[in-house]
Protein backbone atom coordinates (compact mmCIF):
# COMPACT_ATOMS: atom_id res chain seq x y z
CA MET A 1 42.18 14.98 30.42
CA GLN A 2 41.51 14.43 34.12
CA THR A 3 39.54 16.58 36.53
CA SER A 4 39.84 17.22 40.26
CA CYS A 5 37.12 14.62 40.82
CA SER A 6 38.55 11.30 42.06
CA LEU A 7 38.98 8.48 39.56
CA ARG A 8 36.82 6.26 41.74
CA LYS A 9 33.92 8.73 41.79
CA LEU A 10 34.15 9.28 38.03
CA THR A 11 34.18 5.55 37.40
CA VAL A 12 31.17 4.97 39.66
CA LEU A 13 29.11 7.77 38.08
CA ILE A 14 29.80 6.65 34.50
CA TRP A 15 29.13 3.08 35.60
CA VAL A 16 25.71 4.04 37.02
CA VAL A 17 24.80 5.97 33.86
CA ASN A 18 25.75 2.94 31.77
CA LEU A 19 23.89 0.52 34.02
CA CYS A 20 20.58 2.35 34.12
CA ALA A 21 20.47 3.75 30.58
CA ILE A 22 21.50 0.50 28.87
CA CYS A 23 19.19 -1.56 31.08
CA ALA A 24 16.24 0.64 30.10
CA SER A 25 17.15 0.61 26.40
CA THR A 26 17.82 -3.15 26.29
CA LEU A 27 14.56 -3.94 28.05
CA SER A 28 12.73 -1.76 25.54
CA TYR A 29 14.32 -3.45 22.51
CA ILE A 30 13.67 -6.98 23.77
CA PHE A 31 10.16 -6.28 25.03
CA LEU A 32 9.06 -4.41 21.90
CA SER A 33 10.48 -7.11 19.61
CA TYR A 34 8.91 -9.96 21.54
CA TYR A 35 5.62 -8.05 21.86
CA ILE A 36 5.44 -7.72 18.07
CA TYR A 37 6.41 -11.38 17.55
CA LYS A 38 3.67 -12.43 19.97
CA GLU A 39 1.07 -10.19 18.34
CA THR A 40 1.93 -10.92 14.67
CA SER A 41 3.89 -14.24 14.70
CA SER A 42 6.22 -12.58 12.17
CA LEU A 43 9.97 -13.15 12.52
CA ILE A 44 10.72 -10.41 9.99
CA TYR A 45 8.56 -7.82 11.76
CA SER A 46 10.15 -8.77 15.08
CA GLN A 47 13.65 -8.32 13.61
CA VAL A 48 12.63 -4.96 12.08
CA VAL A 49 11.96 -3.76 15.63
CA LEU A 50 15.42 -4.96 16.66
CA PHE A 51 17.29 -3.15 13.87
CA SER A 52 15.10 -0.03 13.95
CA PRO A 53 17.29 1.52 16.71
CA MET A 54 20.21 1.53 14.27
CA ILE A 55 18.58 3.57 11.49
CA LEU A 56 18.94 7.18 12.67
CA PRO A 57 22.54 6.81 13.96
CA ILE A 58 23.56 5.92 10.39
CA VAL A 59 21.51 8.61 8.66
CA PHE A 60 22.54 11.35 11.10
CA VAL A 61 26.12 10.33 11.85
CA GLY A 62 27.30 13.87 11.00
CA GLN A 63 24.81 15.43 13.40
CA ILE A 64 25.77 12.99 16.17
CA TYR A 65 29.40 13.95 15.66
CA ARG A 66 28.60 17.66 15.78
CA LEU A 67 26.64 17.28 19.01
CA SER A 68 29.31 15.15 20.67
CA ASP A 69 32.02 17.58 19.55
CA ARG A 70 30.17 20.73 20.61
CA VAL A 71 28.33 19.58 23.75
CA SER A 72 30.06 18.24 26.84
CA PRO A 73 29.68 14.50 27.51
CA ARG A 74 28.05 15.37 30.85
CA LYS A 75 25.30 17.38 29.19
CA ILE A 76 24.81 14.79 26.43
CA LEU A 77 24.35 11.97 28.91
CA CYS A 78 21.96 13.99 31.06
CA LEU A 79 19.75 15.31 28.25
CA THR A 80 19.56 12.07 26.26
CA ASN A 81 18.30 10.17 29.30
CA LEU A 82 15.64 12.79 29.99
CA LEU A 83 14.51 12.64 26.35
CA ALA A 84 14.52 8.83 26.43
CA LEU A 85 12.29 8.99 29.51
CA TRP A 86 9.78 11.13 27.63
CA VAL A 87 9.89 8.81 24.58
CA ALA A 88 9.35 5.72 26.74
CA VAL A 89 6.26 7.24 28.36
CA CYS A 90 4.74 8.04 24.96
CA VAL A 91 5.59 4.66 23.40
CA TYR A 92 4.31 2.42 26.18
CA LEU A 93 1.10 4.39 26.62
CA LEU A 94 0.33 4.12 22.90
CA LEU A 95 1.58 0.56 22.30
CA PRO A 96 -1.59 -1.35 23.33
CA HIS A 97 -3.56 0.70 20.79
CA PHE A 98 -1.04 1.01 17.91
CA ALA A 99 1.42 -1.88 17.46
CA PHE A 100 3.50 0.02 14.87
CA VAL A 101 4.57 2.35 17.70
CA ALA A 102 7.06 -0.41 18.61
CA VAL A 103 9.11 0.47 15.52
CA VAL A 104 8.84 4.21 16.18
CA GLY A 105 9.91 3.65 19.77
CA GLY A 106 12.85 1.53 18.69
CA ILE A 107 14.00 4.22 16.25
CA ALA A 108 13.73 7.05 18.81
CA ILE A 109 15.25 5.23 21.79
CA GLY A 110 17.96 3.82 19.50
CA ALA A 111 18.97 7.27 18.28
CA LEU A 112 19.28 8.55 21.84
CA ASP A 113 21.10 5.37 22.85
CA ALA A 114 23.63 5.87 20.02
CA LEU A 115 24.29 9.45 21.08
CA GLN A 116 24.83 8.19 24.62
CA ARG A 117 27.27 5.51 23.45
CA VAL A 118 29.37 8.16 21.72
CA GLY A 119 29.06 10.41 24.77
CA ARG A 120 30.29 7.65 27.07
CA ILE A 121 33.37 6.95 24.92
CA VAL A 122 34.15 10.68 24.73
CA ALA A 123 33.67 10.96 28.51
CA ILE A 124 36.17 8.17 29.16
CA LYS A 125 38.67 9.80 26.80
CA CYS A 126 38.19 13.19 28.49
CA TYR A 127 38.11 12.13 32.13
CA PHE A 128 40.90 9.53 32.13
CA ASN A 129 44.49 9.52 30.92
CA SER A 130 46.09 6.93 28.64
CA VAL A 131 47.46 4.94 31.60
CA ASN A 132 43.96 4.32 32.96
CA ILE A 133 41.89 4.07 29.77
CA GLU A 134 42.26 0.36 28.97
CA SER A 135 41.38 -0.90 32.45
CA THR A 136 38.77 1.83 33.01
CA LEU A 137 37.02 1.06 29.72
CA ALA A 138 36.51 -2.57 30.71
CA LEU A 139 35.49 -1.66 34.26
CA THR A 140 32.96 1.06 33.42
CA LEU A 141 31.40 -0.93 30.60
CA THR A 142 30.74 -3.92 32.88
CA ALA A 143 27.60 -1.97 33.76
CA GLN A 144 26.11 -2.67 30.35
CA PHE A 145 26.37 -6.41 30.94
CA ILE A 146 24.77 -6.22 34.36
CA ALA A 147 22.15 -4.00 32.76
CA GLY A 148 21.34 -6.63 30.17
CA GLY A 149 21.06 -9.22 32.91
CA ILE A 150 18.67 -7.03 34.89
CA ALA A 151 16.57 -6.46 31.78
CA GLY A 152 16.43 -10.18 31.07
CA ALA A 153 15.70 -11.04 34.70
CA ALA A 154 12.88 -8.48 34.76
CA MET A 155 11.19 -10.23 31.84
CA ALA A 156 11.80 -13.67 33.34
CA MET A 157 10.47 -12.74 36.79
CA VAL A 158 7.21 -11.08 35.76
CA LYS A 159 4.49 -13.68 36.23
CA GLY A 160 2.63 -14.18 32.98
CA ASP A 161 3.37 -11.95 30.00
CA MET A 162 5.02 -8.62 30.69
CA MET A 163 2.60 -5.82 29.90
CA PRO A 164 3.49 -2.38 28.48
CA TRP A 165 2.83 -0.72 31.83
CA HIS A 166 5.40 -3.05 33.48
CA ALA A 167 8.00 -1.98 30.94
CA LEU A 168 7.05 1.69 31.33
CA LEU A 169 7.47 1.62 35.11
CA ILE A 170 10.90 -0.03 34.94
CA THR A 171 12.31 2.10 32.11
CA ALA A 172 11.03 5.38 33.60
CA VAL A 173 12.81 4.72 36.89
CA LEU A 174 16.04 3.67 35.15
CA PHE A 175 16.23 6.62 32.73
CA SER A 176 15.59 9.00 35.66
CA ILE A 177 18.45 7.55 37.71
CA ALA A 178 20.79 7.67 34.68
CA ALA A 179 19.97 11.35 34.07
CA PHE A 180 20.66 12.21 37.72
CA ALA A 181 23.98 10.32 37.76
CA ALA A 182 25.04 12.13 34.58
CA TYR A 183 24.14 15.46 36.18
CA LEU A 184 26.57 14.67 39.03
CA LEU A 185 29.51 14.26 36.63
CA PRO A 186 31.99 17.16 36.84
CA ARG A 187 32.20 19.78 34.12
CA VAL A 188 35.28 19.33 31.96
CA LYS A 189 36.93 21.51 29.36
CA ARG A 190 38.34 19.88 26.27
CA PRO A 191 39.54 21.14 22.90
CA VAL A 192 36.76 21.61 20.35
CA ALA A 193 36.74 22.66 16.74
CA THR A 194 36.39 26.41 16.14
CA SER A 195 34.00 25.75 13.27
CA VAL A 196 31.74 22.88 12.36
CA PRO A 197 32.93 21.23 9.11
CA GLN A 198 30.51 20.16 6.42
CA LEU A 199 29.93 16.52 5.56
CA ALA A 200 32.55 16.44 2.80
CA ALA A 201 35.12 17.93 5.17
CA LEU A 202 34.19 15.40 7.85
CA VAL A 203 34.68 12.53 5.42
CA LYS A 204 38.07 13.92 4.40
CA THR A 205 39.12 14.41 8.03
CA PHE A 206 38.08 10.86 8.86
CA THR A 207 39.84 9.29 5.86
CA ASP A 208 42.97 11.35 6.51
CA LEU A 209 43.03 10.11 10.10
CA LEU A 210 42.89 6.51 8.97
CA LYS A 211 45.48 7.04 6.24
CA THR A 212 48.02 8.66 8.56
CA ASN A 213 47.41 6.44 11.59
CA LEU A 214 48.05 2.79 10.74
CA GLN A 215 47.16 1.48 14.20
CA LEU A 216 43.88 3.38 14.21
CA ARG A 217 43.01 2.12 10.71
CA ARG A 218 43.61 -1.50 11.71
CA SER A 219 41.76 -1.26 15.01
CA PHE A 220 38.83 0.67 13.57
CA TRP A 221 38.03 -1.69 10.70
CA GLN A 222 38.67 -4.84 12.70
CA PHE A 223 36.24 -3.53 15.32
CA VAL A 224 33.54 -2.66 12.79
CA ILE A 225 33.82 -6.00 10.95
CA PHE A 226 33.85 -8.09 14.11
CA VAL A 227 31.04 -6.34 16.00
CA SER A 228 28.80 -6.02 12.93
CA ILE A 229 28.84 -9.77 12.36
CA TYR A 230 29.07 -11.23 15.85
CA GLN A 231 26.71 -8.80 17.55
CA GLY A 232 24.51 -8.95 14.49
CA PHE A 233 24.14 -12.68 15.10
CA PHE A 234 23.39 -11.98 18.75
CA ASN A 235 20.55 -9.66 17.73
CA VAL A 236 19.20 -12.28 15.33
CA SER A 237 19.38 -15.13 17.85
CA ARG A 238 18.32 -13.59 21.15
CA ILE A 239 14.63 -13.83 20.26
CA ILE A 240 14.71 -16.50 17.52
CA LEU A 241 16.75 -19.10 19.45
CA PRO A 242 14.48 -19.41 22.51
CA ALA A 243 11.13 -18.47 20.94
CA HIS A 244 11.40 -19.96 17.42
CA VAL A 245 14.11 -22.64 17.38
CA MET A 246 13.47 -24.05 20.87
CA GLY A 247 9.80 -23.06 21.17
CA LEU A 248 10.20 -21.63 24.68
CA SER A 249 8.15 -18.98 26.48
CA GLU A 250 8.86 -15.30 27.13
CA GLY A 251 10.59 -16.12 30.41
CA TYR A 252 13.29 -18.05 28.55
CA VAL A 253 13.85 -15.07 26.25
CA GLY A 254 14.64 -13.10 29.39
CA LEU A 255 16.77 -15.95 30.71
CA LEU A 256 18.90 -15.97 27.55
CA GLN A 257 19.45 -12.22 27.96
CA ALA A 258 20.53 -12.86 31.54
CA VAL A 259 22.93 -15.62 30.40
CA ASN A 260 24.36 -13.22 27.83
CA SER A 261 24.87 -10.52 30.44
CA VAL A 262 26.54 -12.79 32.99
CA ALA A 263 28.88 -14.11 30.29
CA ALA A 264 29.72 -10.58 29.17
CA LEU A 265 30.33 -9.47 32.75
CA VAL A 266 32.63 -12.42 33.43
CA GLY A 267 34.46 -11.68 30.17
CA ALA A 268 34.87 -8.01 31.10
CA VAL A 269 36.25 -8.83 34.55
CA PHE A 270 38.57 -11.44 33.04
CA TYR A 271 39.81 -8.94 30.45
CA TYR A 272 40.29 -6.29 33.16
CA THR A 273 42.36 -8.73 35.22
CA LEU A 274 44.51 -9.69 32.24
CA SER A 275 45.08 -6.07 31.20
CA MET A 276 46.11 -5.08 34.73
CA ARG A 277 48.70 -7.89 34.65
CA GLY A 278 50.00 -6.88 31.23
CA TYR A 279 48.67 -9.83 29.22
CA ILE A 280 47.77 -9.21 25.57
CA LEU A 281 45.12 -11.30 23.83
CA ALA A 282 45.10 -12.28 20.15
CA PRO A 283 41.63 -11.13 18.98
CA VAL A 284 41.40 -13.31 15.86
CA TYR A 285 41.95 -16.55 17.79
CA MET A 286 39.38 -15.51 20.38
CA ALA A 287 36.93 -14.72 17.56
CA VAL A 288 37.34 -18.23 16.14
CA VAL A 289 36.63 -19.78 19.54
CA SER A 290 33.61 -17.51 19.97
CA ALA A 291 32.23 -18.60 16.58
CA PHE A 292 32.66 -22.26 17.50
CA PHE A 293 30.38 -21.89 20.52
CA MET A 294 28.04 -19.58 18.59
CA ILE A 295 27.33 -22.36 16.09
CA ILE A 296 26.87 -24.97 18.83
CA ALA A 297 24.36 -22.71 20.59
CA ALA A 298 22.47 -22.10 17.34
CA HIS A 299 21.84 -25.83 16.97
CA GLY A 300 19.31 -25.60 19.78
CA GLY A 301 19.39 -29.05 21.32
CA GLY A 302 18.79 -29.02 25.06
CA LEU A 303 18.40 -25.96 27.22
CA ILE A 304 21.61 -26.49 29.19
CA SER A 305 23.81 -27.32 26.20
CA SER A 306 22.47 -24.48 24.05
CA TYR A 307 22.48 -21.81 26.75
CA GLY A 308 25.85 -23.05 28.04
CA ALA A 309 27.39 -22.70 24.57
CA TYR A 310 25.77 -19.27 24.27
CA PHE A 311 27.50 -18.25 27.49
CA LEU A 312 30.91 -19.18 26.04
CA TYR A 313 30.11 -17.50 22.70
CA ILE A 314 29.47 -14.20 24.49
CA PHE A 315 32.39 -14.63 26.91
CA PHE A 316 34.94 -14.89 24.09
CA PHE A 317 33.11 -12.20 22.10
CA GLU A 318 33.67 -9.75 24.96
CA LEU A 319 37.39 -10.49 25.14
CA VAL A 320 37.72 -9.54 21.48
CA PHE A 321 35.38 -6.55 21.84
CA PHE A 322 37.34 -4.97 24.69
CA LYS A 323 40.69 -5.54 23.04
CA LEU A 324 39.61 -3.92 19.77
CA GLN A 325 37.67 -1.08 21.46
CA SER A 326 40.64 -0.28 23.70
CA ASP A 327 42.93 -0.21 20.67
CA VAL A 328 40.60 2.26 18.92
CA VAL A 329 40.42 4.60 21.93
CA LEU A 330 44.15 4.45 22.65
CA SER A 331 45.16 5.16 19.05
CA THR A 332 42.74 8.11 18.59
CA PRO A 333 43.80 11.71 19.39
CA VAL A 334 41.55 13.26 22.06
CA ASN A 335 40.18 15.98 19.76
CA ALA A 336 39.27 13.34 17.12
CA MET A 337 37.48 11.01 19.55
CA PRO A 338 33.95 12.37 18.87
CA LEU A 339 34.38 11.89 15.11
CA ILE A 340 35.90 8.40 15.37
CA ALA A 341 33.32 7.23 17.92
CA SER A 342 30.43 8.58 15.84
CA VAL A 343 31.60 6.94 12.61
CA GLN A 344 32.53 3.75 14.45
CA TYR A 345 29.01 3.26 15.79
CA ALA A 346 27.43 4.30 12.50
CA GLY A 347 29.57 1.70 10.73
CA VAL A 348 28.66 -0.99 13.26
CA TYR A 349 24.96 -0.14 13.06
CA ALA A 350 25.03 -0.22 9.26
CA GLY A 351 26.75 -3.59 9.37
CA MET A 352 24.29 -4.96 11.91
CA ILE A 353 21.28 -3.85 9.87
CA VAL A 354 22.66 -5.92 7.00
CA THR A 355 23.49 -8.93 9.20
CA ILE A 356 20.14 -8.84 11.03
CA PHE A 357 18.19 -8.63 7.78
CA LEU A 358 20.20 -11.33 6.02
CA GLY A 359 20.25 -13.42 9.18
CA SER A 360 16.46 -13.30 9.44
CA LEU A 361 16.16 -14.47 5.82
CA LEU A 362 18.69 -17.24 6.40
CA VAL A 363 16.78 -18.44 9.45
CA GLU A 364 13.57 -18.57 7.41
CA TYR A 365 15.14 -20.75 4.70
CA VAL A 366 18.07 -22.71 6.22
CA GLY A 367 17.72 -22.29 9.99
CA LEU A 368 19.71 -20.56 12.71
CA LEU A 369 22.54 -23.11 12.71
CA TRP A 370 23.50 -22.53 9.08
CA ALA A 371 22.99 -18.81 9.53
CA GLY A 372 25.72 -18.97 12.19
CA VAL A 373 28.03 -20.86 9.83
CA VAL A 374 27.47 -18.28 7.08
CA PHE A 375 28.16 -15.44 9.51
CA PHE A 376 31.48 -16.96 10.57
CA VAL A 377 32.59 -17.56 6.98
CA CYS A 378 31.69 -13.96 6.12
CA TYR A 379 33.79 -12.74 9.06
CA LEU A 380 36.85 -14.67 7.86
CA LEU A 381 36.41 -13.46 4.27
CA LEU A 382 35.93 -9.80 5.25
CA LEU A 383 38.86 -9.89 7.67
CA SER A 384 41.07 -11.44 5.01
CA ALA A 385 39.96 -8.84 2.46
CA PHE A 386 40.66 -6.01 4.89
CA ARG A 387 44.12 -7.30 5.70
CA THR A 388 44.94 -7.56 2.00
CA THR A 389 43.66 -4.08 1.13
CA GLY A 390 44.71 -2.54 4.46
CA GLN A 391 48.33 -3.47 3.97
CA ALA A 392 48.26 -1.93 0.52
CA ALA A 393 46.65 1.32 1.72
């Protein structure tokens, strides 16, 4: 459903919201995780901080759906950024005195971040028609890759260790800009449910959607399986690879985040170019190539070889991500988008909690390299199992 606002203005505003909000959230996750690792020398505790943002979106998936279905995406994006600003102020002021606040901050910012992610997908579905969705999705979400690069560069550029007040200053400015950009989005009317269904009814509605829509069922589960495993490995490795495997300083943690973001941005632009020219990528083949470079990067080795392989791992990851995410959005009816987006992210977060936890244990006992091998084998097995059961469904 389009509004009188120009497509260019809509794209720019959503892009700015993505850029600032994701940059602030990403910086918080990385800084809080590294801060805990530095203070405790515990890999497990550091990884707990990284998966803490995924807890509430799973527990309260029904509430996230209800909010995204009842409240306009404009209002969701505006209010969540204002709340995230308040949370960031509280967390960073308390962090030097109470280290456990890092986990609390991760949980709170993660919940707001998840609601924003759903809100952004719903906004794209509401503001753009089916002709523009695939290219617009890739274009607007390039902001999240630039955001990650800015977050990584901020950590790399601060002389000495980044302090909580550094992180507070940066995140406060970014969340404020994101809230203002969201406020400038036009109001839009879209069909909403006349009554809010209970959890059992939501589950039935969701399962009925997947049963009756073969393309949606395929795209949804392929997306959840792929992102849970591949992004789960990213979350495991983005601190462990530079700090633990390679023994590098905080600046190189930020540098790896910047490498990841540049690779993701290049992948998004490449995907956008291909989609505009009508090319269709085979996601499974791209996933295999991504895993190949993922395992090479996990070996460690030299800085250039490891970080170069990491670049290619993320580049091919993004090609698969955009293809599968576009398929999900295109195959979902507009009035079902809030439900599908909410369950999609809850499913991904649940999967990533498992992969981050198991990945951390694997790193402790067999190292990051073999953890990467196990992750890839699990992806192939789960995809094969889905295809077998999915065809029978």
